[in-house]
Amino acid sequence: MKCPYCKENKDKVIDSRSSEAGRVIRRRRQCLVCRRRFTTYEKVGESFKLNVIKKDNSRVPYDREKVISGLQKACYKRPVSAEQIQQIADKIEEDIFRHSDREVDSKFIGESAMRHLRSVDKVAYIRFASVYRHFDDAGDLIDEVTQAISQPDDQTQPKLFSD
């Protein structure tokens, strides 16, 4: 592993931790040349591909970049850092792998994204919900905003398979 500061290949691992689902390993390292510390993240490889079941029952390979892209659009010009978006994507993946092993419904991914966004930024949550839920009229949007304002974050339960 190259040191991001001095670009040398000599380092030692100081600490290792895995995520809840065990899919990402965080390693704290120290460069043996410049003595500075840095963190690396390793993803556990899978021998199979996860498929997403779309609304029309078609199946497409899971793409983390699609999830991140949707989160970035919802968080545009909001006080949500790129690191927070990555953490939300990690949490969504942990939810997916706790729930499924080979296939996951796109509704599950969307609801998980909304739940995690809601706890970070309610405006980003409303933006995501307005696109994801395809509100028919302004009344539906107002109802969602009212619910987001009135209900504390910890009481939000995902509507995993409701229409």
Protein backbone atom coordinates (compact mmCIF):
# COMPACT_ATOMS: atom_id res chain seq x y z
CA MET A 1 0.00 0.00 0.00
CA LYS A 2 1.45 3.36 -1.00
CA CYS A 3 1.52 6.10 1.61
CA PRO A 4 -0.70 8.97 0.38
CA TYR A 5 1.81 11.48 1.81
CA CYS A 6 5.30 10.28 0.81
CA LYS A 7 4.28 7.62 -1.78
CA GLU A 8 6.50 4.94 -0.22
CA ASN A 9 5.39 1.29 -0.13
CA LYS A 10 6.45 0.60 3.45
CA ASP A 11 3.70 0.59 6.06
CA LYS A 12 2.29 -1.43 8.92
CA VAL A 13 -1.30 -2.11 9.95
CA ILE A 14 -2.10 -0.60 13.34
CA ASP A 15 -5.78 -1.53 13.61
CA SER A 16 -8.40 -3.46 11.57
CA ARG A 17 -12.16 -3.35 11.89
CA SER A 18 -14.98 -4.77 9.81
CA SER A 19 -18.41 -3.28 9.19
CA GLU A 20 -21.56 -4.75 10.72
CA ALA A 21 -22.18 -6.98 7.72
CA GLY A 22 -18.48 -7.80 7.41
CA ARG A 23 -18.35 -6.58 3.81
CA VAL A 24 -15.89 -3.69 4.31
CA ILE A 25 -12.67 -3.86 6.30
CA ARG A 26 -11.22 -0.61 7.65
CA ARG A 27 -7.48 -0.67 8.26
CA ARG A 28 -5.55 2.02 10.10
CA ARG A 29 -1.97 2.10 8.78
CA GLN A 30 1.25 3.89 9.61
CA CYS A 31 3.95 4.66 7.06
CA LEU A 32 7.33 3.35 8.20
CA VAL A 33 9.15 6.11 6.29
CA CYS A 34 7.32 9.36 7.16
CA ARG A 35 5.51 7.93 10.25
CA ARG A 36 2.15 9.45 9.22
CA ARG A 37 -1.07 7.50 9.63
CA PHE A 38 -3.80 6.86 7.09
CA THR A 39 -6.90 4.72 6.67
CA THR A 40 -7.69 2.23 3.91
CA TYR A 41 -10.95 0.43 3.15
CA GLU A 42 -11.09 -3.02 1.62
CA LYS A 43 -14.23 -4.55 0.14
CA VAL A 44 -14.78 -8.26 0.45
CA GLY A 45 -15.16 -9.79 -3.01
CA GLU A 46 -18.19 -11.85 -3.83
CA SER A 47 -18.26 -14.99 -5.94
CA PHE A 48 -21.76 -14.14 -7.16
CA LYS A 49 -23.60 -11.10 -8.42
CA LEU A 50 -26.57 -9.55 -6.70
CA ASN A 51 -29.53 -8.87 -8.99
CA VAL A 52 -32.12 -6.13 -8.51
CA ILE A 53 -35.73 -6.96 -9.35
CA LYS A 54 -37.22 -3.88 -11.02
CA LYS A 55 -40.89 -2.82 -11.01
CA ASP A 56 -41.50 -4.58 -14.34
CA ASN A 57 -39.99 -7.80 -12.88
CA SER A 58 -36.88 -7.52 -15.04
CA ARG A 59 -33.58 -8.25 -13.34
CA VAL A 60 -30.45 -6.11 -13.59
CA PRO A 61 -27.12 -6.42 -11.78
CA TYR A 62 -26.82 -4.35 -8.61
CA ASP A 63 -24.78 -1.21 -9.24
CA ARG A 64 -23.51 0.75 -6.24
CA GLU A 65 -22.77 3.72 -8.50
CA LYS A 66 -26.48 4.02 -9.37
CA VAL A 67 -27.32 4.21 -5.67
CA ILE A 68 -24.62 6.83 -5.07
CA SER A 69 -25.77 8.83 -8.09
CA GLY A 70 -29.32 8.97 -6.75
CA LEU A 71 -28.08 10.01 -3.33
CA GLN A 72 -25.87 12.72 -4.85
CA LYS A 73 -28.80 14.15 -6.82
CA ALA A 74 -30.94 14.26 -3.67
CA CYS A 75 -28.12 15.91 -1.70
CA TYR A 76 -27.19 18.48 -4.37
CA LYS A 77 -26.36 21.82 -2.69
CA ARG A 78 -27.19 20.38 0.72
CA PRO A 79 -24.80 20.18 3.69
CA VAL A 80 -24.14 16.48 3.11
CA SER A 81 -20.52 15.49 2.49
CA ALA A 82 -19.30 12.95 -0.03
CA GLU A 83 -18.17 10.84 2.93
CA GLN A 84 -21.71 10.86 4.36
CA ILE A 85 -23.09 9.76 0.98
CA GLN A 86 -20.60 6.87 0.93
CA GLN A 87 -21.62 5.93 4.49
CA ILE A 88 -25.31 5.95 3.49
CA ALA A 89 -24.47 3.71 0.51
CA ASP A 90 -22.60 1.37 2.89
CA LYS A 91 -25.63 1.22 5.21
CA ILE A 92 -27.94 0.51 2.28
CA GLU A 93 -25.67 -2.36 1.21
CA GLU A 94 -25.60 -3.71 4.76
CA ASP A 95 -29.43 -3.65 4.76
CA ILE A 96 -29.49 -5.43 1.39
CA PHE A 97 -27.07 -8.17 2.42
CA ARG A 98 -28.85 -8.68 5.73
CA HIS A 99 -32.13 -9.09 3.85
CA SER A 100 -31.11 -10.89 0.64
CA ASP A 101 -28.32 -13.00 -0.74
CA ARG A 102 -28.87 -13.17 -4.52
CA GLU A 103 -31.81 -10.90 -5.43
CA VAL A 104 -33.33 -7.79 -3.93
CA ASP A 105 -36.43 -5.83 -4.87
CA SER A 106 -35.76 -2.28 -6.06
CA LYS A 107 -38.42 -1.11 -3.58
CA PHE A 108 -36.28 -2.38 -0.73
CA ILE A 109 -33.29 -0.36 -1.95
CA GLY A 110 -35.37 2.80 -2.37
CA GLU A 111 -36.99 2.53 1.04
CA SER A 112 -33.64 1.86 2.69
CA ALA A 113 -32.14 4.89 0.94
CA MET A 114 -35.02 7.09 2.12
CA ARG A 115 -34.71 5.86 5.70
CA HIS A 116 -30.99 6.60 5.86
CA LEU A 117 -31.30 9.94 4.03
CA ARG A 118 -34.04 11.04 6.43
CA SER A 119 -31.71 10.71 9.39
CA VAL A 120 -29.02 12.81 7.65
CA ASP A 121 -30.95 15.58 5.85
CA LYS A 122 -34.72 15.93 5.61
CA VAL A 123 -34.63 18.12 2.50
CA ALA A 124 -32.53 15.50 0.68
CA TYR A 125 -34.98 12.88 1.95
CA ILE A 126 -37.95 14.81 0.50
CA ARG A 127 -36.14 15.27 -2.82
CA PHE A 128 -35.39 11.55 -3.03
CA ALA A 129 -38.93 10.62 -1.96
CA SER A 130 -40.51 12.94 -4.53
CA VAL A 131 -38.67 11.17 -7.36
CA TYR A 132 -38.85 7.65 -5.90
CA ARG A 133 -42.53 7.72 -4.96
CA HIS A 134 -43.73 9.59 -8.07
CA PHE A 135 -46.17 11.84 -6.21
CA ASP A 136 -49.35 12.36 -8.24
CA ASP A 137 -50.08 15.82 -6.90
CA ALA A 138 -48.84 18.50 -4.53
CA GLY A 139 -51.06 17.12 -1.75
CA ASP A 140 -49.06 13.88 -1.63
CA LEU A 141 -45.83 15.87 -1.42
CA ILE A 142 -47.24 18.08 1.34
CA ASP A 143 -48.32 14.99 3.29
CA GLU A 144 -44.80 13.55 3.03
CA VAL A 145 -43.22 16.84 4.16
CA THR A 146 -45.65 17.13 7.09
CA GLN A 147 -44.85 13.59 8.16
CA ALA A 148 -41.09 14.22 7.88
CA ILE A 149 -41.38 17.33 10.04
CA SER A 150 -43.67 15.89 12.69
CA GLN A 151 -42.16 12.44 13.16
CA PRO A 152 -38.78 12.08 14.94
CA ASP A 153 -36.11 10.23 12.95
CA ASP A 154 -35.92 7.24 15.30
CA GLN A 155 -39.65 6.45 14.85
CA THR A 156 -39.43 6.14 11.08
CA GLN A 157 -40.09 2.63 9.94
CA PRO A 158 -39.36 1.69 6.34
CA LYS A 159 -42.38 0.92 4.16
CA LEU A 160 -40.58 -1.94 2.49
CA PHE A 161 -43.28 -3.41 0.34
CA SER A 162 -46.17 -0.95 0.34
CA ASP A 163 -47.38 0.83 -2.77
